[in-house]
Amino acid sequence: MPFVNIKITRDGATTEQKRQLIAGVTQLLVDVMGKNPATTTVIIDEVDTDNWGMGGESVTELRKPKS
């Protein structure tokens, strides 16, 4: 019973892109590990860019145009 948690920033993934992620990850587990798609859970967490940091800065700051 696989459980996959995908975390992405909340700034642009469409409903269709998320649908494709869920279907694709499920199919990957079927193909690679022989898992039952009916018991595979995929959750997408969308995180505000203010709450996601890399290299000591928030993604919000990292994405700001450099002057």
N, C-alpha and C. Protein backbone atom coordinates (compact mmCIF):
# COMPACT_ATOMS: atom_id res chain seq x y z
N MET A 1 0.84 -1.17 0.00
CA MET A 1 0.00 0.00 0.00
C MET A 1 0.89 1.25 0.00
N PRO A 2 1.40 1.66 -1.17
CA PRO A 2 2.30 2.81 -1.25
C PRO A 2 1.59 4.13 -0.91
N PHE A 3 2.36 5.01 -0.28
CA PHE A 3 1.91 6.36 0.03
C PHE A 3 2.99 7.31 -0.45
N VAL A 4 2.64 8.20 -1.36
CA VAL A 4 3.60 9.15 -1.92
C VAL A 4 3.13 10.56 -1.60
N ASN A 5 4.03 11.38 -1.07
CA ASN A 5 3.71 12.77 -0.76
C ASN A 5 4.60 13.67 -1.61
N ILE A 6 3.97 14.46 -2.47
CA ILE A 6 4.67 15.39 -3.34
C ILE A 6 4.47 16.80 -2.78
N LYS A 7 5.55 17.53 -2.61
CA LYS A 7 5.46 18.90 -2.13
C LYS A 7 5.92 19.84 -3.25
N ILE A 8 5.06 20.80 -3.57
CA ILE A 8 5.38 21.79 -4.60
C ILE A 8 5.01 23.17 -4.06
N THR A 9 5.57 24.20 -4.67
CA THR A 9 5.17 25.55 -4.26
C THR A 9 3.79 25.86 -4.83
N ARG A 10 3.07 26.67 -4.07
CA ARG A 10 1.69 27.03 -4.44
C ARG A 10 1.75 28.25 -5.36
N ASP A 11 2.11 28.03 -6.60
CA ASP A 11 2.18 29.20 -7.48
C ASP A 11 2.11 28.85 -8.95
N GLY A 12 1.24 27.94 -9.29
CA GLY A 12 1.11 27.79 -10.72
C GLY A 12 0.82 26.39 -11.24
N ALA A 13 0.85 25.37 -10.42
CA ALA A 13 0.51 24.05 -10.93
C ALA A 13 -0.99 24.00 -11.20
N THR A 14 -1.34 23.65 -12.41
CA THR A 14 -2.75 23.59 -12.77
C THR A 14 -3.37 22.30 -12.26
N THR A 15 -4.68 22.26 -12.26
CA THR A 15 -5.39 21.05 -11.88
C THR A 15 -4.98 19.90 -12.80
N GLU A 16 -4.83 20.18 -14.08
CA GLU A 16 -4.43 19.14 -15.03
C GLU A 16 -3.02 18.64 -14.76
N GLN A 17 -2.10 19.52 -14.43
CA GLN A 17 -0.73 19.09 -14.10
C GLN A 17 -0.74 18.20 -12.86
N LYS A 18 -1.52 18.56 -11.87
CA LYS A 18 -1.60 17.74 -10.65
C LYS A 18 -2.24 16.39 -10.95
N ARG A 19 -3.24 16.38 -11.81
CA ARG A 19 -3.86 15.11 -12.22
C ARG A 19 -2.83 14.21 -12.88
N GLN A 20 -1.99 14.81 -13.75
CA GLN A 20 -0.96 14.04 -14.43
C GLN A 20 0.10 13.52 -13.45
N LEU A 21 0.46 14.32 -12.47
CA LEU A 21 1.40 13.86 -11.44
C LEU A 21 0.86 12.64 -10.70
N ILE A 22 -0.40 12.73 -10.28
CA ILE A 22 -1.01 11.63 -9.54
C ILE A 22 -1.06 10.37 -10.40
N ALA A 23 -1.51 10.51 -11.64
CA ALA A 23 -1.60 9.35 -12.54
C ALA A 23 -0.21 8.80 -12.85
N GLY A 24 0.75 9.68 -13.11
CA GLY A 24 2.10 9.24 -13.48
C GLY A 24 2.83 8.54 -12.35
N VAL A 25 2.75 9.09 -11.15
CA VAL A 25 3.41 8.45 -10.00
C VAL A 25 2.77 7.10 -9.71
N THR A 26 1.46 7.05 -9.79
CA THR A 26 0.76 5.78 -9.58
C THR A 26 1.23 4.73 -10.60
N GLN A 27 1.28 5.13 -11.87
CA GLN A 27 1.70 4.20 -12.92
C GLN A 27 3.15 3.78 -12.74
N LEU A 28 4.01 4.69 -12.31
CA LEU A 28 5.41 4.35 -12.06
C LEU A 28 5.53 3.25 -11.00
N LEU A 29 4.74 3.36 -9.94
CA LEU A 29 4.77 2.32 -8.89
C LEU A 29 4.23 0.99 -9.41
N VAL A 30 3.26 1.04 -10.30
CA VAL A 30 2.75 -0.18 -10.93
C VAL A 30 3.85 -0.81 -11.78
N ASP A 31 4.49 0.00 -12.63
CA ASP A 31 5.49 -0.49 -13.58
C ASP A 31 6.77 -0.99 -12.91
N VAL A 32 7.26 -0.26 -11.94
CA VAL A 32 8.56 -0.57 -11.33
C VAL A 32 8.44 -1.59 -10.21
N MET A 33 7.38 -1.46 -9.41
CA MET A 33 7.30 -2.30 -8.23
C MET A 33 6.11 -3.27 -8.22
N GLY A 34 5.31 -3.22 -9.28
CA GLY A 34 4.17 -4.12 -9.36
C GLY A 34 3.07 -3.81 -8.35
N LYS A 35 2.98 -2.55 -7.91
CA LYS A 35 1.99 -2.18 -6.89
C LYS A 35 0.60 -2.06 -7.48
N ASN A 36 -0.39 -2.28 -6.64
CA ASN A 36 -1.78 -2.18 -7.03
C ASN A 36 -2.18 -0.71 -7.06
N PRO A 37 -2.62 -0.18 -8.20
CA PRO A 37 -2.98 1.23 -8.26
C PRO A 37 -4.17 1.58 -7.36
N ALA A 38 -5.03 0.63 -7.11
CA ALA A 38 -6.20 0.88 -6.27
C ALA A 38 -5.83 1.14 -4.81
N THR A 39 -4.65 0.71 -4.40
CA THR A 39 -4.23 0.92 -3.01
C THR A 39 -3.06 1.90 -2.90
N THR A 40 -2.77 2.60 -3.99
CA THR A 40 -1.68 3.58 -4.00
C THR A 40 -2.27 4.96 -3.74
N THR A 41 -1.70 5.64 -2.75
CA THR A 41 -2.16 6.97 -2.37
C THR A 41 -1.10 7.99 -2.77
N VAL A 42 -1.54 9.06 -3.44
CA VAL A 42 -0.65 10.16 -3.80
C VAL A 42 -1.28 11.44 -3.27
N ILE A 43 -0.51 12.19 -2.48
CA ILE A 43 -0.98 13.46 -1.95
C ILE A 43 -0.05 14.55 -2.44
N ILE A 44 -0.63 15.65 -2.89
CA ILE A 44 0.16 16.81 -3.31
C ILE A 44 -0.08 17.91 -2.28
N ASP A 45 0.99 18.33 -1.61
CA ASP A 45 0.94 19.46 -0.69
C ASP A 45 1.48 20.68 -1.41
N GLU A 46 0.72 21.75 -1.40
CA GLU A 46 1.16 23.00 -1.99
C GLU A 46 1.59 23.94 -0.87
N VAL A 47 2.83 24.39 -0.94
CA VAL A 47 3.44 25.20 0.11
C VAL A 47 3.63 26.62 -0.40
N ASP A 48 3.23 27.61 0.41
CA ASP A 48 3.48 29.00 0.04
C ASP A 48 4.98 29.24 -0.09
N THR A 49 5.36 30.05 -1.05
CA THR A 49 6.79 30.30 -1.28
C THR A 49 7.45 31.00 -0.09
N ASP A 50 6.67 31.70 0.74
CA ASP A 50 7.22 32.29 1.97
C ASP A 50 7.63 31.21 2.97
N ASN A 51 7.06 30.02 2.84
CA ASN A 51 7.30 28.93 3.78
C ASN A 51 8.26 27.87 3.24
N TRP A 52 8.92 28.17 2.15
CA TRP A 52 9.85 27.23 1.52
C TRP A 52 11.17 27.96 1.33
N GLY A 53 12.23 27.45 1.92
CA GLY A 53 13.50 28.14 1.81
C GLY A 53 14.60 27.26 1.26
N MET A 54 15.56 27.90 0.62
CA MET A 54 16.75 27.23 0.11
C MET A 54 17.92 28.19 0.28
N GLY A 55 19.04 27.67 0.73
CA GLY A 55 20.23 28.50 0.85
C GLY A 55 20.07 29.69 1.78
N GLY A 56 19.19 29.54 2.77
CA GLY A 56 19.01 30.61 3.75
C GLY A 56 18.02 31.68 3.35
N GLU A 57 17.35 31.52 2.20
CA GLU A 57 16.36 32.50 1.76
C GLU A 57 15.07 31.81 1.38
N SER A 58 13.97 32.55 1.50
CA SER A 58 12.69 31.99 1.07
C SER A 58 12.65 31.96 -0.46
N VAL A 59 11.85 31.08 -0.99
CA VAL A 59 11.68 31.00 -2.44
C VAL A 59 11.10 32.31 -2.96
N THR A 60 10.25 32.97 -2.17
CA THR A 60 9.71 34.27 -2.57
C THR A 60 10.85 35.24 -2.86
N GLU A 61 11.83 35.31 -1.95
CA GLU A 61 12.96 36.20 -2.15
C GLU A 61 13.84 35.75 -3.32
N LEU A 62 14.07 34.47 -3.42
CA LEU A 62 14.91 33.94 -4.49
C LEU A 62 14.33 34.22 -5.88
N ARG A 63 13.02 34.29 -5.97
CA ARG A 63 12.37 34.51 -7.26
C ARG A 63 12.22 35.98 -7.62
N LYS A 64 12.52 36.86 -6.69
CA LYS A 64 12.43 38.28 -7.01
C LYS A 64 13.50 38.65 -8.04
N PRO A 65 13.14 39.52 -8.98
CA PRO A 65 14.15 39.95 -9.96
C PRO A 65 15.34 40.62 -9.26
N LYS A 66 16.52 40.32 -9.72
CA LYS A 66 17.72 40.93 -9.17
C LYS A 66 17.91 42.31 -9.78
N SER A 67 18.21 43.28 -8.95
CA SER A 67 18.41 44.65 -9.44
C SER A 67 19.83 44.89 -9.84
